[in-house]
Amino acid sequence: MKVESKALRRINSPPLTDCLQSLSHRRNVTSLSIFLRYFQANCSIDLANCIPPLFLRPRCTKLSSSFHPYSAQPSNTRVNQYSQSFIPFPDKLWISLPASVFPSSYDLTSFKREVSGHLSQAFD
């Protein structure tokens, strides 16, 4: 009981909770981090099977050249192949990321920091 009351006091402490991002923001950052792990080949085969493949550009167009190198195949609205996946595919959010948020080598901490900053600026 003592532990619960101490935890409740700490959790309801405005200095601790005021600096937290919203739950949807944290979920978006986490979801995008899972995709980075996949695209940097730092995940299991099971996880790789749940994620759409890279977006292959058959020819270079103005639109396709504006995508970052980790662009994923957009979902087909008629065939929702990934709807039953335990990972929600944030396709519009993933495609909207600028290339500058992607580290040159696998660095999840740096990626999370950059994505969090980008999402904070984009949706504020």
PDB file of N, CA and C in Angstrom:
ATOM      1  N   MET A   1       0.825  -1.204   0.000  1.00  0.00           N
ATOM      2  CA  MET A   1       0.000   0.000   0.000  1.00  0.00           C
ATOM      3  C   MET A   1       0.862   1.259   0.000  1.00  0.00           C
ATOM      4  N   LYS A   2       1.979   1.235   0.757  1.00  0.00           N
ATOM      5  CA  LYS A   2       2.873   2.384   0.791  1.00  0.00           C
ATOM      6  C   LYS A   2       3.464   2.672  -0.587  1.00  0.00           C
ATOM      7  N   VAL A   3       3.829   1.603  -1.285  1.00  0.00           N
ATOM      8  CA  VAL A   3       4.425   1.759  -2.614  1.00  0.00           C
ATOM      9  C   VAL A   3       3.418   2.389  -3.565  1.00  0.00           C
ATOM     10  N   GLU A   4       2.171   1.948  -3.492  1.00  0.00           N
ATOM     11  CA  GLU A   4       1.139   2.497  -4.368  1.00  0.00           C
ATOM     12  C   GLU A   4       0.922   3.983  -4.117  1.00  0.00           C
ATOM     13  N   SER A   5       0.886   4.385  -2.866  1.00  0.00           N
ATOM     14  CA  SER A   5       0.651   5.804  -2.577  1.00  0.00           C
ATOM     15  C   SER A   5       1.836   6.659  -3.030  1.00  0.00           C
ATOM     16  N   LYS A   6       3.065   6.139  -2.889  1.00  0.00           N
ATOM     17  CA  LYS A   6       4.237   6.880  -3.371  1.00  0.00           C
ATOM     18  C   LYS A   6       4.213   6.983  -4.895  1.00  0.00           C
ATOM     19  N   ALA A   7       3.857   5.889  -5.541  1.00  0.00           N
ATOM     20  CA  ALA A   7       3.793   5.895  -7.004  1.00  0.00           C
ATOM     21  C   ALA A   7       2.731   6.877  -7.487  1.00  0.00           C
ATOM     22  N   LEU A   8       1.579   6.883  -6.832  1.00  0.00           N
ATOM     23  CA  LEU A   8       0.499   7.788  -7.217  1.00  0.00           C
ATOM     24  C   LEU A   8       0.933   9.242  -7.070  1.00  0.00           C
ATOM     25  N   ARG A   9       1.637   9.559  -5.991  1.00  0.00           N
ATOM     26  CA  ARG A   9       2.119  10.928  -5.803  1.00  0.00           C
ATOM     27  C   ARG A   9       3.103  11.323  -6.896  1.00  0.00           C
ATOM     28  N   ARG A  10       3.963  10.405  -7.283  1.00  0.00           N
ATOM     29  CA  ARG A  10       4.963  10.714  -8.314  1.00  0.00           C
ATOM     30  C   ARG A  10       4.322  10.818  -9.699  1.00  0.00           C
ATOM     31  N   ILE A  11       3.385   9.932  -9.979  1.00  0.00           N
ATOM     32  CA  ILE A  11       2.739   9.944 -11.293  1.00  0.00           C
ATOM     33  C   ILE A  11       1.896  11.201 -11.472  1.00  0.00           C
ATOM     34  N   ASN A  12       1.220  11.627 -10.432  1.00  0.00           N
ATOM     35  CA  ASN A  12       0.371  12.820 -10.517  1.00  0.00           C
ATOM     36  C   ASN A  12       1.142  14.110 -10.274  1.00  0.00           C
ATOM     37  N   SER A  13       2.449  14.048 -10.307  1.00  0.00           N
ATOM     38  CA  SER A  13       3.279  15.216 -10.073  1.00  0.00           C
ATOM     39  C   SER A  13       3.413  16.029 -11.365  1.00  0.00           C
ATOM     40  N   PRO A  14       2.876  17.250 -11.399  1.00  0.00           N
ATOM     41  CA  PRO A  14       2.957  18.058 -12.621  1.00  0.00           C
ATOM     42  C   PRO A  14       4.376  18.251 -13.176  1.00  0.00           C
ATOM     43  N   PRO A  15       5.409  18.421 -12.344  1.00  0.00           N
ATOM     44  CA  PRO A  15       6.747  18.560 -12.942  1.00  0.00           C
ATOM     45  C   PRO A  15       7.163  17.332 -13.771  1.00  0.00           C
ATOM     46  N   LEU A  16       6.676  16.161 -13.412  1.00  0.00           N
ATOM     47  CA  LEU A  16       7.016  14.963 -14.175  1.00  0.00           C
ATOM     48  C   LEU A  16       6.114  14.777 -15.389  1.00  0.00           C
ATOM     49  N   THR A  17       4.842  15.034 -15.234  1.00  0.00           N
ATOM     50  CA  THR A  17       3.897  14.759 -16.315  1.00  0.00           C
ATOM     51  C   THR A  17       3.799  15.882 -17.344  1.00  0.00           C
ATOM     52  N   ASP A  18       4.154  17.101 -16.980  1.00  0.00           N
ATOM     53  CA  ASP A  18       4.043  18.218 -17.919  1.00  0.00           C
ATOM     54  C   ASP A  18       5.035  18.118 -19.074  1.00  0.00           C
ATOM     55  N   CYS A  19       6.158  17.449 -18.851  1.00  0.00           N
ATOM     56  CA  CYS A  19       7.172  17.368 -19.907  1.00  0.00           C
ATOM     57  C   CYS A  19       6.962  16.163 -20.830  1.00  0.00           C
ATOM     58  N   LEU A  20       5.959  15.339 -20.560  1.00  0.00           N
ATOM     59  CA  LEU A  20       5.698  14.179 -21.413  1.00  0.00           C
ATOM     60  C   LEU A  20       4.972  14.590 -22.693  1.00  0.00           C
ATOM     61  N   GLN A  21       5.325  13.943 -23.792  1.00  0.00           N
ATOM     62  CA  GLN A  21       4.594  14.136 -25.043  1.00  0.00           C
ATOM     63  C   GLN A  21       3.258  13.398 -24.922  1.00  0.00           C
ATOM     64  N   SER A  22       2.330  13.698 -25.810  1.00  0.00           N
ATOM     65  CA  SER A  22       1.034  13.018 -25.783  1.00  0.00           C
ATOM     66  C   SER A  22       1.209  11.535 -26.113  1.00  0.00           C
ATOM     67  N   LEU A  23       0.249  10.740 -25.727  1.00  0.00           N
ATOM     68  CA  LEU A  23       0.314   9.303 -25.978  1.00  0.00           C
ATOM     69  C   LEU A  23       0.345   9.009 -27.475  1.00  0.00           C
ATOM     70  N   SER A  24      -0.452   9.717 -28.261  1.00  0.00           N
ATOM     71  CA  SER A  24      -0.454   9.475 -29.709  1.00  0.00           C
ATOM     72  C   SER A  24       0.903   9.827 -30.319  1.00  0.00           C
ATOM     73  N   HIS A  25       1.542  10.878 -29.832  1.00  0.00           N
ATOM     74  CA  HIS A  25       2.874  11.260 -30.317  1.00  0.00           C
ATOM     75  C   HIS A  25       3.884  10.149 -30.006  1.00  0.00           C
ATOM     76  N   ARG A  26       3.856   9.652 -28.776  1.00  0.00           N
ATOM     77  CA  ARG A  26       4.790   8.583 -28.385  1.00  0.00           C
ATOM     78  C   ARG A  26       4.525   7.307 -29.170  1.00  0.00           C
ATOM     79  N   ARG A  27       3.254   7.007 -29.451  1.00  0.00           N
ATOM     80  CA  ARG A  27       2.930   5.819 -30.260  1.00  0.00           C
ATOM     81  C   ARG A  27       3.440   5.976 -31.690  1.00  0.00           C
ATOM     82  N   ASN A  28       3.306   7.160 -32.239  1.00  0.00           N
ATOM     83  CA  ASN A  28       3.808   7.405 -33.595  1.00  0.00           C
ATOM     84  C   ASN A  28       5.320   7.226 -33.660  1.00  0.00           C
ATOM     85  N   VAL A  29       6.036   7.769 -32.688  1.00  0.00           N
ATOM     86  CA  VAL A  29       7.499   7.632 -32.660  1.00  0.00           C
ATOM     87  C   VAL A  29       7.886   6.160 -32.537  1.00  0.00           C
ATOM     88  N   THR A  30       7.196   5.426 -31.678  1.00  0.00           N
ATOM     89  CA  THR A  30       7.497   4.003 -31.496  1.00  0.00           C
ATOM     90  C   THR A  30       7.195   3.212 -32.761  1.00  0.00           C
ATOM     91  N   SER A  31       6.070   3.484 -33.370  1.00  0.00           N
ATOM     92  CA  SER A  31       5.695   2.792 -34.597  1.00  0.00           C
ATOM     93  C   SER A  31       6.718   3.048 -35.700  1.00  0.00           C
ATOM     94  N   LEU A  32       7.145   4.285 -35.848  1.00  0.00           N
ATOM     95  CA  LEU A  32       8.145   4.620 -36.862  1.00  0.00           C
ATOM     96  C   LEU A  32       9.497   3.988 -36.537  1.00  0.00           C
ATOM     97  N   SER A  33       9.797   3.845 -35.257  1.00  0.00           N
ATOM     98  CA  SER A  33      11.057   3.207 -34.849  1.00  0.00           C
ATOM     99  C   SER A  33      11.085   1.732 -35.230  1.00  0.00           C
ATOM    100  N   ILE A  34       9.942   1.080 -35.148  1.00  0.00           N
ATOM    101  CA  ILE A  34       9.859  -0.327 -35.561  1.00  0.00           C
ATOM    102  C   ILE A  34      10.155  -0.443 -37.053  1.00  0.00           C
ATOM    103  N   PHE A  35       9.649   0.498 -37.828  1.00  0.00           N
ATOM    104  CA  PHE A  35       9.912   0.471 -39.266  1.00  0.00           C
ATOM    105  C   PHE A  35      11.375   0.733 -39.584  1.00  0.00           C
ATOM    106  N   LEU A  36      12.007   1.604 -38.817  1.00  0.00           N
ATOM    107  CA  LEU A  36      13.439   1.827 -39.041  1.00  0.00           C
ATOM    108  C   LEU A  36      14.211   0.538 -38.790  1.00  0.00           C
ATOM    109  N   ARG A  37      13.859  -0.166 -37.725  1.00  0.00           N
ATOM    110  CA  ARG A  37      14.534  -1.440 -37.438  1.00  0.00           C
ATOM    111  C   ARG A  37      14.383  -2.401 -38.606  1.00  0.00           C
ATOM    112  N   TYR A  38      13.210  -2.427 -39.191  1.00  0.00           N
ATOM    113  CA  TYR A  38      12.971  -3.304 -40.336  1.00  0.00           C
ATOM    114  C   TYR A  38      13.822  -2.877 -41.532  1.00  0.00           C
ATOM    115  N   PHE A  39      13.769  -1.601 -41.873  1.00  0.00           N
ATOM    116  CA  PHE A  39      14.467  -1.131 -43.069  1.00  0.00           C
ATOM    117  C   PHE A  39      15.981  -1.141 -42.914  1.00  0.00           C
ATOM    118  N   GLN A  40      16.466  -1.125 -41.700  1.00  0.00           N
ATOM    119  CA  GLN A  40      17.909  -1.222 -41.467  1.00  0.00           C
ATOM    120  C   GLN A  40      18.321  -2.676 -41.249  1.00  0.00           C
ATOM    121  N   ALA A  41      17.414  -3.615 -41.507  1.00  0.00           N
ATOM    122  CA  ALA A  41      17.660  -5.062 -41.366  1.00  0.00           C
ATOM    123  C   ALA A  41      18.108  -5.418 -39.958  1.00  0.00           C
ATOM    124  N   ASN A  42      17.447  -4.817 -38.987  1.00  0.00           N
ATOM    125  CA  ASN A  42      17.778  -5.071 -37.591  1.00  0.00           C
ATOM    126  C   ASN A  42      16.559  -5.653 -36.869  1.00  0.00           C
ATOM    127  N   CYS A  43      15.903  -6.623 -37.513  1.00  0.00           N
ATOM    128  CA  CYS A  43      14.724  -7.239 -36.917  1.00  0.00           C
ATOM    129  C   CYS A  43      14.637  -8.705 -37.325  1.00  0.00           C
ATOM    130  N   SER A  44      13.718  -9.407 -36.710  1.00  0.00           N
ATOM    131  CA  SER A  44      13.542 -10.829 -36.998  1.00  0.00           C
ATOM    132  C   SER A  44      12.792 -11.033 -38.316  1.00  0.00           C
ATOM    133  N   ILE A  45      12.837 -12.240 -38.827  1.00  0.00           N
ATOM    134  CA  ILE A  45      12.113 -12.598 -40.054  1.00  0.00           C
ATOM    135  C   ILE A  45      10.607 -12.456 -39.827  1.00  0.00           C
ATOM    136  N   ASP A  46      10.140 -12.829 -38.631  1.00  0.00           N
ATOM    137  CA  ASP A  46       8.708 -12.724 -38.328  1.00  0.00           C
ATOM    138  C   ASP A  46       8.228 -11.279 -38.436  1.00  0.00           C
ATOM    139  N   LEU A  47       9.012 -10.351 -37.902  1.00  0.00           N
ATOM    140  CA  LEU A  47       8.649  -8.938 -37.992  1.00  0.00           C
ATOM    141  C   LEU A  47       8.706  -8.462 -39.442  1.00  0.00           C
ATOM    142  N   ALA A  48       9.708  -8.891 -40.160  1.00  0.00           N
ATOM    143  CA  ALA A  48       9.861  -8.480 -41.562  1.00  0.00           C
ATOM    144  C   ALA A  48       8.668  -8.919 -42.413  1.00  0.00           C
ATOM    145  N   ASN A  49       8.047 -10.029 -42.078  1.00  0.00           N
ATOM    146  CA  ASN A  49       6.887 -10.516 -42.830  1.00  0.00           C
ATOM    147  C   ASN A  49       5.623  -9.701 -42.562  1.00  0.00           C
ATOM    148  N   CYS A  50       5.622  -8.891 -41.511  1.00  0.00           N
ATOM    149  CA  CYS A  50       4.443  -8.093 -41.147  1.00  0.00           C
ATOM    150  C   CYS A  50       4.476  -6.693 -41.740  1.00  0.00           C
ATOM    151  N   ILE A  51       5.556  -6.336 -42.406  1.00  0.00           N
ATOM    152  CA  ILE A  51       5.748  -4.967 -42.855  1.00  0.00           C
ATOM    153  C   ILE A  51       5.779  -4.905 -44.379  1.00  0.00           C
ATOM    154  N   PRO A  52       5.118  -3.907 -44.968  1.00  0.00           N
ATOM    155  CA  PRO A  52       5.119  -3.782 -46.429  1.00  0.00           C
ATOM    156  C   PRO A  52       6.536  -3.619 -46.983  1.00  0.00           C
ATOM    157  N   PRO A  53       6.757  -4.039 -48.222  1.00  0.00           N
ATOM    158  CA  PRO A  53       8.093  -3.940 -48.820  1.00  0.00           C
ATOM    159  C   PRO A  53       8.459  -2.499 -49.171  1.00  0.00           C
ATOM    160  N   LEU A  54       9.729  -2.298 -49.480  1.00  0.00           N
ATOM    161  CA  LEU A  54      10.187  -0.988 -49.930  1.00  0.00           C
ATOM    162  C   LEU A  54       9.452  -0.574 -51.195  1.00  0.00           C
ATOM    163  N   PHE A  55       9.293   0.716 -51.358  1.00  0.00           N
ATOM    164  CA  PHE A  55       8.635   1.264 -52.539  1.00  0.00           C
ATOM    165  C   PHE A  55       9.647   1.290 -53.677  1.00  0.00           C
ATOM    166  N   LEU A  56       9.429   0.470 -54.677  1.00  0.00           N
ATOM    167  CA  LEU A  56      10.333   0.414 -55.825  1.00  0.00           C
ATOM    168  C   LEU A  56       9.863   1.403 -56.876  1.00  0.00           C
ATOM    169  N   ARG A  57      10.753   2.247 -57.302  1.00  0.00           N
ATOM    170  CA  ARG A  57      10.423   3.263 -58.297  1.00  0.00           C
ATOM    171  C   ARG A  57      10.790   2.750 -59.683  1.00  0.00           C
ATOM    172  N   PRO A  58       9.809   2.397 -60.527  1.00  0.00           N
ATOM    173  CA  PRO A  58      10.131   1.868 -61.852  1.00  0.00           C
ATOM    174  C   PRO A  58      10.829   2.894 -62.742  1.00  0.00           C
ATOM    175  N   ARG A  59      10.515   4.158 -62.545  1.00  0.00           N
ATOM    176  CA  ARG A  59      11.205   5.204 -63.307  1.00  0.00           C
ATOM    177  C   ARG A  59      11.327   6.437 -62.417  1.00  0.00           C
ATOM    178  N   CYS A  60      12.241   7.275 -62.739  1.00  0.00           N
ATOM    179  CA  CYS A  60      12.502   8.471 -61.941  1.00  0.00           C
ATOM    180  C   CYS A  60      11.555   9.589 -62.378  1.00  0.00           C
ATOM    181  N   THR A  61      10.674   9.955 -61.478  1.00  0.00           N
ATOM    182  CA  THR A  61       9.758  11.063 -61.735  1.00  0.00           C
ATOM    183  C   THR A  61       9.968  12.116 -60.658  1.00  0.00           C
ATOM    184  N   LYS A  62       9.353  13.256 -60.827  1.00  0.00           N
ATOM    185  CA  LYS A  62       9.486  14.321 -59.838  1.00  0.00           C
ATOM    186  C   LYS A  62       8.967  13.849 -58.474  1.00  0.00           C
ATOM    187  N   LEU A  63       7.835  13.155 -58.479  1.00  0.00           N
ATOM    188  CA  LEU A  63       7.255  12.661 -57.235  1.00  0.00           C
ATOM    189  C   LEU A  63       8.118  11.575 -56.603  1.00  0.00           C
ATOM    190  N   SER A  64       8.546  10.602 -57.386  1.00  0.00           N
ATOM    191  CA  SER A  64       9.318   9.496 -56.815  1.00  0.00           C
ATOM    192  C   SER A  64      10.681   9.947 -56.310  1.00  0.00           C
ATOM    193  N   SER A  65      11.262  10.961 -56.928  1.00  0.00           N
ATOM    194  CA  SER A  65      12.570  11.431 -56.460  1.00  0.00           C
ATOM    195  C   SER A  65      12.452  12.239 -55.173  1.00  0.00           C
ATOM    196  N   SER A  66      11.241  12.681 -54.819  1.00  0.00           N
ATOM    197  CA  SER A  66      11.061  13.427 -53.570  1.00  0.00           C
ATOM    198  C   SER A  66      10.945  12.507 -52.356  1.00  0.00           C
ATOM    199  N   PHE A  67      10.735  11.209 -52.572  1.00  0.00           N
ATOM    200  CA  PHE A  67      10.641  10.263 -51.458  1.00  0.00           C
ATOM    201  C   PHE A  67      12.020   9.975 -50.878  1.00  0.00           C
ATOM    202  N   HIS A  68      12.065   9.659 -49.588  1.00  0.00           N
ATOM    203  CA  HIS A  68      13.335   9.258 -48.976  1.00  0.00           C
ATOM    204  C   HIS A  68      13.633   7.812 -49.350  1.00  0.00           C
ATOM    205  N   PRO A  69      14.869   7.350 -49.172  1.00  0.00           N
ATOM    206  CA  PRO A  69      15.247   6.004 -49.630  1.00  0.00           C
ATOM    207  C   PRO A  69      14.529   4.860 -48.910  1.00  0.00           C
ATOM    208  N   TYR A  70      13.878   5.158 -47.783  1.00  0.00           N
ATOM    209  CA  TYR A  70      13.203   4.105 -47.026  1.00  0.00           C
ATOM    210  C   TYR A  70      11.697   4.107 -47.250  1.00  0.00           C
ATOM    211  N   SER A  71      11.236   4.727 -48.307  1.00  0.00           N
ATOM    212  CA  SER A  71       9.795   4.769 -48.581  1.00  0.00           C
ATOM    213  C   SER A  71       9.249   3.360 -48.758  1.00  0.00           C
ATOM    214  N   ALA A  72       8.110   3.112 -48.136  1.00  0.00           N
ATOM    215  CA  ALA A  72       7.477   1.791 -48.219  1.00  0.00           C
ATOM    216  C   ALA A  72       6.357   1.824 -49.244  1.00  0.00           C
ATOM    217  N   GLN A  73       6.011   0.655 -49.715  1.00  0.00           N
ATOM    218  CA  GLN A  73       4.921   0.513 -50.681  1.00  0.00           C
ATOM    219  C   GLN A  73       3.631   0.989 -50.022  1.00  0.00           C
ATOM    220  N   PRO A  74       2.948   1.991 -50.583  1.00  0.00           N
ATOM    221  CA  PRO A  74       1.687   2.444 -49.982  1.00  0.00           C
ATOM    222  C   PRO A  74       0.646   1.318 -49.974  1.00  0.00           C
ATOM    223  N   SER A  75      -0.229   1.352 -48.977  1.00  0.00           N
ATOM    224  CA  SER A  75      -1.260   0.324 -48.864  1.00  0.00           C
ATOM    225  C   SER A  75      -2.254   0.439 -50.007  1.00  0.00           C
ATOM    226  N   ASN A  76      -2.680  -0.705 -50.501  1.00  0.00           N
ATOM    227  CA  ASN A  76      -3.728  -0.737 -51.510  1.00  0.00           C
ATOM    228  C   ASN A  76      -5.054  -0.754 -50.762  1.00  0.00           C
ATOM    229  N   THR A  77      -5.916   0.209 -51.042  1.00  0.00           N
ATOM    230  CA  THR A  77      -7.171   0.305 -50.291  1.00  0.00           C
ATOM    231  C   THR A  77      -8.140  -0.829 -50.606  1.00  0.00           C
ATOM    232  N   ARG A  78      -8.014  -1.435 -51.785  1.00  0.00           N
ATOM    233  CA  ARG A  78      -8.913  -2.539 -52.120  1.00  0.00           C
ATOM    234  C   ARG A  78      -8.436  -3.857 -51.517  1.00  0.00           C
ATOM    235  N   VAL A  79      -7.139  -4.023 -51.395  1.00  0.00           N
ATOM    236  CA  VAL A  79      -6.577  -5.248 -50.814  1.00  0.00           C
ATOM    237  C   VAL A  79      -5.794  -4.826 -49.582  1.00  0.00           C
ATOM    238  N   ASN A  80      -6.398  -4.978 -48.443  1.00  0.00           N
ATOM    239  CA  ASN A  80      -5.760  -4.526 -47.214  1.00  0.00           C
ATOM    240  C   ASN A  80      -4.978  -5.678 -46.592  1.00  0.00           C
ATOM    241  N   GLN A  81      -3.846  -5.991 -47.188  1.00  0.00           N
ATOM    242  CA  GLN A  81      -3.031  -7.141 -46.800  1.00  0.00           C
ATOM    243  C   GLN A  81      -2.490  -7.038 -45.378  1.00  0.00           C
ATOM    244  N   TYR A  82      -2.195  -5.824 -44.918  1.00  0.00           N
ATOM    245  CA  TYR A  82      -1.547  -5.656 -43.625  1.00  0.00           C
ATOM    246  C   TYR A  82      -2.518  -5.221 -42.530  1.00  0.00           C
ATOM    247  N   SER A  83      -3.816  -5.294 -42.768  1.00  0.00           N
ATOM    248  CA  SER A  83      -4.783  -4.840 -41.772  1.00  0.00           C
ATOM    249  C   SER A  83      -4.810  -5.713 -40.525  1.00  0.00           C
ATOM    250  N   GLN A  84      -4.449  -6.977 -40.650  1.00  0.00           N
ATOM    251  CA  GLN A  84      -4.467  -7.874 -39.499  1.00  0.00           C
ATOM    252  C   GLN A  84      -3.128  -7.917 -38.762  1.00  0.00           C
ATOM    253  N   SER A  85      -2.186  -7.113 -39.191  1.00  0.00           N
ATOM    254  CA  SER A  85      -0.874  -7.074 -38.557  1.00  0.00           C
ATOM    255  C   SER A  85      -0.994  -6.444 -37.172  1.00  0.00           C
ATOM    256  N   PHE A  86      -0.159  -6.887 -36.245  1.00  0.00           N
ATOM    257  CA  PHE A  86      -0.183  -6.294 -34.914  1.00  0.00           C
ATOM    258  C   PHE A  86       0.497  -4.928 -34.906  1.00  0.00           C
ATOM    259  N   ILE A  87       1.159  -4.593 -35.993  1.00  0.00           N
ATOM    260  CA  ILE A  87       1.814  -3.297 -36.120  1.00  0.00           C
ATOM    261  C   ILE A  87       1.000  -2.446 -37.091  1.00  0.00           C
ATOM    262  N   PRO A  88       0.445  -1.327 -36.627  1.00  0.00           N
ATOM    263  CA  PRO A  88      -0.274  -0.474 -37.571  1.00  0.00           C
ATOM    264  C   PRO A  88       0.730   0.204 -38.497  1.00  0.00           C
ATOM    265  N   PHE A  89       0.498   0.134 -39.785  1.00  0.00           N
ATOM    266  CA  PHE A  89       1.433   0.719 -40.742  1.00  0.00           C
ATOM    267  C   PHE A  89       1.134   2.204 -40.921  1.00  0.00           C
ATOM    268  N   PRO A  90       2.000   3.060 -40.430  1.00  0.00           N
ATOM    269  CA  PRO A  90       1.760   4.506 -40.550  1.00  0.00           C
ATOM    270  C   PRO A  90       2.262   5.032 -41.893  1.00  0.00           C
ATOM    271  N   ASP A  91       1.688   4.540 -42.998  1.00  0.00           N
ATOM    272  CA  ASP A  91       2.245   4.831 -44.320  1.00  0.00           C
ATOM    273  C   ASP A  91       2.348   6.321 -44.632  1.00  0.00           C
ATOM    274  N   LYS A  92       1.310   7.087 -44.385  1.00  0.00           N
ATOM    275  CA  LYS A  92       1.368   8.518 -44.692  1.00  0.00           C
ATOM    276  C   LYS A  92       2.389   9.223 -43.807  1.00  0.00           C
ATOM    277  N   LEU A  93       2.444   8.826 -42.559  1.00  0.00           N
ATOM    278  CA  LEU A  93       3.400   9.419 -41.628  1.00  0.00           C
ATOM    279  C   LEU A  93       4.830   9.053 -42.018  1.00  0.00           C
ATOM    280  N   TRP A  94       5.055   7.792 -42.367  1.00  0.00           N
ATOM    281  CA  TRP A  94       6.386   7.313 -42.750  1.00  0.00           C
ATOM    282  C   TRP A  94       6.867   8.004 -44.026  1.00  0.00           C
ATOM    283  N   ILE A  95       5.986   8.102 -45.021  1.00  0.00           N
ATOM    284  CA  ILE A  95       6.361   8.716 -46.296  1.00  0.00           C
ATOM    285  C   ILE A  95       6.612  10.217 -46.130  1.00  0.00           C
ATOM    286  N   SER A  96       5.927  10.850 -45.179  1.00  0.00           N
ATOM    287  CA  SER A  96       6.076  12.297 -44.986  1.00  0.00           C
ATOM    288  C   SER A  96       7.361  12.689 -44.265  1.00  0.00           C
ATOM    289  N   LEU A  97       8.089  11.719 -43.719  1.00  0.00           N
ATOM    290  CA  LEU A  97       9.328  12.051 -43.007  1.00  0.00           C
ATOM    291  C   LEU A  97      10.377  12.589 -43.978  1.00  0.00           C
ATOM    292  N   PRO A  98      11.095  13.635 -43.573  1.00  0.00           N
ATOM    293  CA  PRO A  98      12.182  14.115 -44.434  1.00  0.00           C
ATOM    294  C   PRO A  98      13.389  13.185 -44.324  1.00  0.00           C
ATOM    295  N   ALA A  99      14.216  13.157 -45.338  1.00  0.00           N
ATOM    296  CA  ALA A  99      15.399  12.285 -45.342  1.00  0.00           C
ATOM    297  C   ALA A  99      16.360  12.631 -44.208  1.00  0.00           C
ATOM    298  N   SER A 100      16.296  13.856 -43.709  1.00  0.00           N
ATOM    299  CA  SER A 100      17.228  14.289 -42.660  1.00  0.00           C
ATOM    300  C   SER A 100      17.030  13.573 -41.324  1.00  0.00           C
ATOM    301  N   VAL A 101      15.867  12.965 -41.085  1.00  0.00           N
ATOM    302  CA  VAL A 101      15.650  12.275 -39.808  1.00  0.00           C
ATOM    303  C   VAL A 101      16.294  10.893 -39.783  1.00  0.00           C
ATOM    304  N   PHE A 102      16.674  10.380 -40.958  1.00  0.00           N
ATOM    305  CA  PHE A 102      17.249   9.038 -41.028  1.00  0.00           C
ATOM    306  C   PHE A 102      18.755   9.089 -40.804  1.00  0.00           C
ATOM    307  N   PRO A 103      19.247   8.338 -39.814  1.00  0.00           N
ATOM    308  CA  PRO A 103      20.696   8.323 -39.586  1.00  0.00           C
ATOM    309  C   PRO A 103      21.415   7.560 -40.701  1.00  0.00           C
ATOM    310  N   SER A 104      22.680   7.908 -40.941  1.00  0.00           N
ATOM    311  CA  SER A 104      23.438   7.233 -42.001  1.00  0.00           C
ATOM    312  C   SER A 104      23.722   5.778 -41.641  1.00  0.00           C
ATOM    313  N   SER A 105      23.885   5.506 -40.356  1.00  0.00           N
ATOM    314  CA  SER A 105      24.015   4.123 -39.894  1.00  0.00           C
ATOM    315  C   SER A 105      22.947   3.901 -38.827  1.00  0.00           C
ATOM    316  N   TYR A 106      22.725   2.660 -38.460  1.00  0.00           N
ATOM    317  CA  TYR A 106      21.645   2.337 -37.527  1.00  0.00           C
ATOM    318  C   TYR A 106      21.897   2.979 -36.165  1.00  0.00           C
ATOM    319  N   ASP A 107      21.056   3.928 -35.793  1.00  0.00           N
ATOM    320  CA  ASP A 107      21.131   4.606 -34.500  1.00  0.00           C
ATOM    321  C   ASP A 107      19.705   4.938 -34.080  1.00  0.00           C
ATOM    322  N   LEU A 108      19.104   4.036 -33.330  1.00  0.00           N
ATOM    323  CA  LEU A 108      17.693   4.162 -32.960  1.00  0.00           C
ATOM    324  C   LEU A 108      17.436   5.386 -32.082  1.00  0.00           C
ATOM    325  N   THR A 109      18.341   5.682 -31.158  1.00  0.00           N
ATOM    326  CA  THR A 109      18.161   6.828 -30.261  1.00  0.00           C
ATOM    327  C   THR A 109      18.130   8.135 -31.048  1.00  0.00           C
ATOM    328  N   SER A 110      19.057   8.282 -31.965  1.00  0.00           N
ATOM    329  CA  SER A 110      19.108   9.483 -32.804  1.00  0.00           C
ATOM    330  C   SER A 110      17.843   9.595 -33.660  1.00  0.00           C
ATOM    331  N   PHE A 111      17.415   8.480 -34.227  1.00  0.00           N
ATOM    332  CA  PHE A 111      16.214   8.476 -35.059  1.00  0.00           C
ATOM    333  C   PHE A 111      14.994   8.901 -34.243  1.00  0.00           C
ATOM    334  N   LYS A 112      14.831   8.345 -33.044  1.00  0.00           N
ATOM    335  CA  LYS A 112      13.683   8.705 -32.204  1.00  0.00           C
ATOM    336  C   LYS A 112      13.693  10.196 -31.873  1.00  0.00           C
ATOM    337  N   ARG A 113      14.862  10.725 -31.551  1.00  0.00           N
ATOM    338  CA  ARG A 113      14.978  12.146 -31.222  1.00  0.00           C
ATOM    339  C   ARG A 113      14.591  13.015 -32.429  1.00  0.00           C
ATOM    340  N   GLU A 114      15.116  12.667 -33.603  1.00  0.00           N
ATOM    341  CA  GLU A 114      14.823  13.441 -34.819  1.00  0.00           C
ATOM    342  C   GLU A 114      13.345  13.348 -35.206  1.00  0.00           C
ATOM    343  N   VAL A 115      12.786  12.150 -35.128  1.00  0.00           N
ATOM    344  CA  VAL A 115      11.373  11.960 -35.480  1.00  0.00           C
ATOM    345  C   VAL A 115      10.471  12.700 -34.498  1.00  0.00           C
ATOM    346  N   SER A 116      10.797  12.617 -33.222  1.00  0.00           N
ATOM    347  CA  SER A 116       9.995  13.307 -32.217  1.00  0.00           C
ATOM    348  C   SER A 116      10.007  14.814 -32.468  1.00  0.00           C
ATOM    349  N   GLY A 117      11.175  15.353 -32.769  1.00  0.00           N
ATOM    350  CA  GLY A 117      11.274  16.778 -33.080  1.00  0.00           C
ATOM    351  C   GLY A 117      10.489  17.142 -34.331  1.00  0.00           C
ATOM    352  N   HIS A 118      10.601  16.309 -35.356  1.00  0.00           N
ATOM    353  CA  HIS A 118       9.879  16.570 -36.610  1.00  0.00           C
ATOM    354  C   HIS A 118       8.366  16.525 -36.386  1.00  0.00           C
ATOM    355  N   LEU A 119       7.886  15.512 -35.661  1.00  0.00           N
ATOM    356  CA  LEU A 119       6.445  15.395 -35.419  1.00  0.00           C
ATOM    357  C   LEU A 119       5.935  16.537 -34.547  1.00  0.00           C
ATOM    358  N   SER A 120       6.744  16.975 -33.584  1.00  0.00           N
ATOM    359  CA  SER A 120       6.340  18.100 -32.731  1.00  0.00           C
ATOM    360  C   SER A 120       6.173  19.367 -33.555  1.00  0.00           C
ATOM    361  N   GLN A 121       7.089  19.600 -34.498  1.00  0.00           N
ATOM    362  CA  GLN A 121       7.004  20.792 -35.346  1.00  0.00           C
ATOM    363  C   GLN A 121       5.873  20.679 -36.359  1.00  0.00           C
ATOM    364  N   ALA A 122       5.692  19.493 -36.902  1.00  0.00           N
ATOM    365  CA  ALA A 122       4.701  19.302 -37.962  1.00  0.00           C
ATOM    366  C   ALA A 122       3.264  19.415 -37.464  1.00  0.00           C
ATOM    367  N   PHE A 123       3.020  19.005 -36.232  1.00  0.00           N
ATOM    368  CA  PHE A 123       1.636  18.953 -35.751  1.00  0.00           C
ATOM    369  C   PHE A 123       1.333  19.962 -34.658  1.00  0.00           C
ATOM    370  N   ASP A 124       2.215  20.910 -34.434  1.00  0.00           N
ATOM    371  CA  ASP A 124       1.934  21.960 -33.441  1.00  0.00           C
ATOM    372  C   ASP A 124       1.405  23.201 -34.091  1.00  0.00           C
TER     373      ASP A 124
END
